[in-house]
Amino acid sequence: MNQDHVDRILAQWRSVHPELDCSAMGIIGRIRRVSRLFDESLKEVFRQHMLSNIEFDILATLRRTDAPLTPTALYQTLMLSSGAMSTRLEKLVQRGLIERIASEDDRRSNQVQLTDAGKAQVDAALQDHLSNMAHLLSGLTKEEQEQLADLNRKLLLSDALQATK
């Protein structure tokens, strides 16, 4: 089996601390490294569509819900602060990708929805995003991808990670 950078780090720890079990370090280290590499690849695809990661996430959320949403619903879904969401939304409005809809009941409230240009932009980015993700996972069989998804889901639902929310 081929060795990666993390294997070399673990070997170094074993040589100076053979009594320690550093296996968790290997798992977490690989997850972090894979995450960074994935993130860079995703950013590049979004950059090609003149979007940041968060702009894609906002547009994709509006696209998949296929209905107008309040800024509050968006920032809660995307785990952003309300200030950060307001700034992002304003930029997307200025670019013509989303539009604000004033509430008939409360003049201070509004919803946002995709414009036709926003739909076209996110749909084009989505195609490239899906192709990119398939490429990033191409080192695994479909069965391995399903196993990885199941294990990640199990980790995310574990008490240890739920307690960190």
Protein backbone atom coordinates (compact mmCIF):
# COMPACT_ATOMS: atom_id res chain seq x y z
CA MET A 1 0.00 0.00 0.00
CA ASN A 2 1.23 3.48 -0.84
CA GLN A 3 2.07 5.86 1.96
CA ASP A 4 0.87 9.42 2.18
CA HIS A 5 2.19 12.43 4.09
CA VAL A 6 0.13 11.49 7.17
CA ASP A 7 1.73 8.00 7.28
CA ARG A 8 5.14 9.63 7.49
CA ILE A 9 4.00 11.90 10.35
CA LEU A 10 2.53 8.93 12.24
CA ALA A 11 5.78 6.99 11.77
CA GLN A 12 7.71 9.90 13.26
CA TRP A 13 5.40 9.96 16.30
CA ARG A 14 5.75 6.18 16.71
CA SER A 15 9.51 6.53 16.75
CA VAL A 16 9.53 9.12 19.56
CA HIS A 17 6.40 7.95 21.43
CA PRO A 18 5.78 4.27 20.65
CA GLU A 19 3.48 4.01 23.68
CA LEU A 20 0.94 6.50 22.25
CA ASP A 21 -1.96 5.55 19.99
CA CYS A 22 -1.89 8.25 17.32
CA SER A 23 -4.41 6.56 15.00
CA ALA A 24 -7.00 9.32 15.61
CA MET A 25 -4.39 11.84 14.47
CA GLY A 26 -4.16 9.97 11.18
CA ILE A 27 -7.92 10.04 10.63
CA ILE A 28 -8.42 13.69 11.57
CA GLY A 29 -5.27 14.75 9.72
CA ARG A 30 -6.46 13.10 6.53
CA ILE A 31 -9.97 14.55 6.84
CA ARG A 32 -8.51 18.03 7.30
CA ARG A 33 -6.10 17.61 4.37
CA VAL A 34 -8.82 16.24 2.08
CA SER A 35 -11.11 19.08 3.16
CA ARG A 36 -8.50 21.72 2.26
CA LEU A 37 -7.83 20.12 -1.12
CA PHE A 38 -11.55 19.79 -1.86
CA ASP A 39 -12.13 23.39 -0.81
CA GLU A 40 -9.48 24.70 -3.21
CA SER A 41 -10.95 22.71 -6.08
CA LEU A 42 -14.49 23.90 -5.30
CA LYS A 43 -13.34 27.52 -5.07
CA GLU A 44 -11.77 27.27 -8.51
CA VAL A 45 -15.00 26.02 -10.10
CA PHE A 46 -17.02 28.80 -8.47
CA ARG A 47 -14.38 31.37 -9.49
CA GLN A 48 -14.85 30.28 -13.11
CA HIS A 49 -18.51 31.26 -12.71
CA MET A 50 -17.61 34.54 -10.98
CA LEU A 51 -18.96 33.31 -7.64
CA SER A 52 -17.52 32.81 -4.20
CA ASN A 53 -18.33 29.67 -2.20
CA ILE A 54 -20.89 31.50 -0.10
CA GLU A 55 -22.50 33.18 -3.12
CA PHE A 56 -22.90 29.77 -4.72
CA ASP A 57 -24.39 28.44 -1.47
CA ILE A 58 -26.90 31.31 -1.32
CA LEU A 59 -27.93 30.89 -4.96
CA ALA A 60 -28.07 27.09 -4.64
CA THR A 61 -30.23 27.33 -1.51
CA LEU A 62 -32.68 29.60 -3.32
CA ARG A 63 -32.63 27.31 -6.36
CA ARG A 64 -33.25 24.06 -4.49
CA THR A 65 -36.01 25.53 -2.31
CA ASP A 66 -37.51 27.05 -5.48
CA ALA A 67 -39.26 29.71 -3.43
CA PRO A 68 -38.44 33.14 -2.02
CA LEU A 69 -36.74 33.09 1.39
CA THR A 70 -36.19 35.67 4.07
CA PRO A 71 -32.61 36.74 4.75
CA THR A 72 -33.07 35.23 8.22
CA ALA A 73 -34.00 31.83 6.80
CA LEU A 74 -30.96 32.01 4.51
CA TYR A 75 -28.43 32.94 7.18
CA GLN A 76 -29.76 30.28 9.54
CA THR A 77 -29.54 27.65 6.81
CA LEU A 78 -26.02 28.71 5.82
CA MET A 79 -24.81 29.43 9.38
CA LEU A 80 -23.76 33.02 8.66
CA SER A 81 -24.25 36.14 10.73
CA SER A 82 -27.08 38.43 9.66
CA GLY A 83 -24.57 41.17 8.81
CA ALA A 84 -22.55 38.89 6.56
CA MET A 85 -25.73 37.71 4.86
CA SER A 86 -26.95 41.29 4.24
CA THR A 87 -23.66 42.21 2.57
CA ARG A 88 -23.68 39.12 0.35
CA LEU A 89 -27.31 39.59 -0.61
CA GLU A 90 -26.75 43.23 -1.55
CA LYS A 91 -23.87 42.24 -3.86
CA LEU A 92 -26.03 39.58 -5.51
CA VAL A 93 -28.87 42.11 -5.95
CA GLN A 94 -26.44 44.60 -7.56
CA ARG A 95 -25.25 41.87 -9.94
CA GLY A 96 -28.86 41.10 -10.92
CA LEU A 97 -28.74 37.51 -9.65
CA ILE A 98 -31.38 37.91 -6.95
CA GLU A 99 -34.14 40.39 -6.24
CA ARG A 100 -35.82 41.56 -3.07
CA ILE A 101 -39.56 41.21 -2.62
CA ALA A 102 -41.14 43.54 -0.08
CA SER A 103 -43.52 41.96 2.42
CA GLU A 104 -47.11 43.03 2.05
CA ASP A 105 -47.63 42.67 5.82
CA ASP A 106 -44.47 44.28 7.21
CA ARG A 107 -42.65 47.07 5.34
CA ARG A 108 -39.43 46.30 7.23
CA SER A 109 -39.40 42.68 6.07
CA ASN A 110 -38.54 41.24 2.69
CA GLN A 111 -37.73 38.03 0.93
CA VAL A 112 -35.21 37.31 -1.78
CA GLN A 113 -35.56 35.18 -4.86
CA LEU A 114 -33.49 34.29 -7.87
CA THR A 115 -33.81 36.29 -11.04
CA ASP A 116 -33.73 34.48 -14.38
CA ALA A 117 -30.07 35.47 -14.64
CA GLY A 118 -29.46 34.04 -11.15
CA LYS A 119 -31.10 30.76 -12.10
CA ALA A 120 -28.99 30.51 -15.23
CA GLN A 121 -25.82 31.36 -13.28
CA VAL A 122 -26.39 28.80 -10.52
CA ASP A 123 -27.52 26.09 -12.96
CA ALA A 124 -24.35 26.52 -15.03
CA ALA A 125 -22.17 26.49 -11.91
CA LEU A 126 -24.04 23.48 -10.56
CA GLN A 127 -23.23 21.39 -13.62
CA ASP A 128 -19.52 22.13 -13.30
CA HIS A 129 -19.68 21.70 -9.51
CA LEU A 130 -21.22 18.22 -9.83
CA SER A 131 -18.64 17.21 -12.45
CA ASN A 132 -15.84 18.50 -10.24
CA MET A 133 -17.09 16.62 -7.19
CA ALA A 134 -17.44 13.41 -9.21
CA HIS A 135 -13.85 13.89 -10.37
CA LEU A 136 -12.64 14.52 -6.79
CA LEU A 137 -14.24 11.25 -5.67
CA SER A 138 -13.15 9.24 -8.71
CA GLY A 139 -10.41 7.53 -6.69
CA LEU A 140 -13.14 5.63 -4.86
CA THR A 141 -15.62 3.08 -6.20
CA LYS A 142 -19.34 3.87 -5.90
CA GLU A 143 -19.50 1.43 -2.99
CA GLU A 144 -16.58 3.14 -1.25
CA GLN A 145 -18.21 6.52 -1.83
CA GLU A 146 -21.40 5.25 -0.17
CA GLN A 147 -19.38 3.85 2.74
CA LEU A 148 -17.57 7.16 3.15
CA ALA A 149 -20.88 9.06 3.07
CA ASP A 150 -22.34 6.69 5.69
CA LEU A 151 -19.29 6.99 7.96
CA ASN A 152 -19.25 10.79 7.66
CA ARG A 153 -22.98 10.91 8.43
CA LYS A 154 -22.39 8.70 11.48
CA LEU A 155 -19.62 11.00 12.68
CA LEU A 156 -21.70 14.13 12.14
CA LEU A 157 -24.59 12.62 14.12
CA SER A 158 -22.36 11.33 16.92
CA ASP A 159 -22.76 12.73 20.42
CA ALA A 160 -19.16 13.99 20.37
CA LEU A 161 -19.79 16.25 17.37
CA GLN A 162 -23.36 17.17 18.34
CA ALA A 163 -21.99 18.53 21.62
CA THR A 164 -19.73 20.96 19.72
CA LYS A 165 -22.62 22.74 17.98
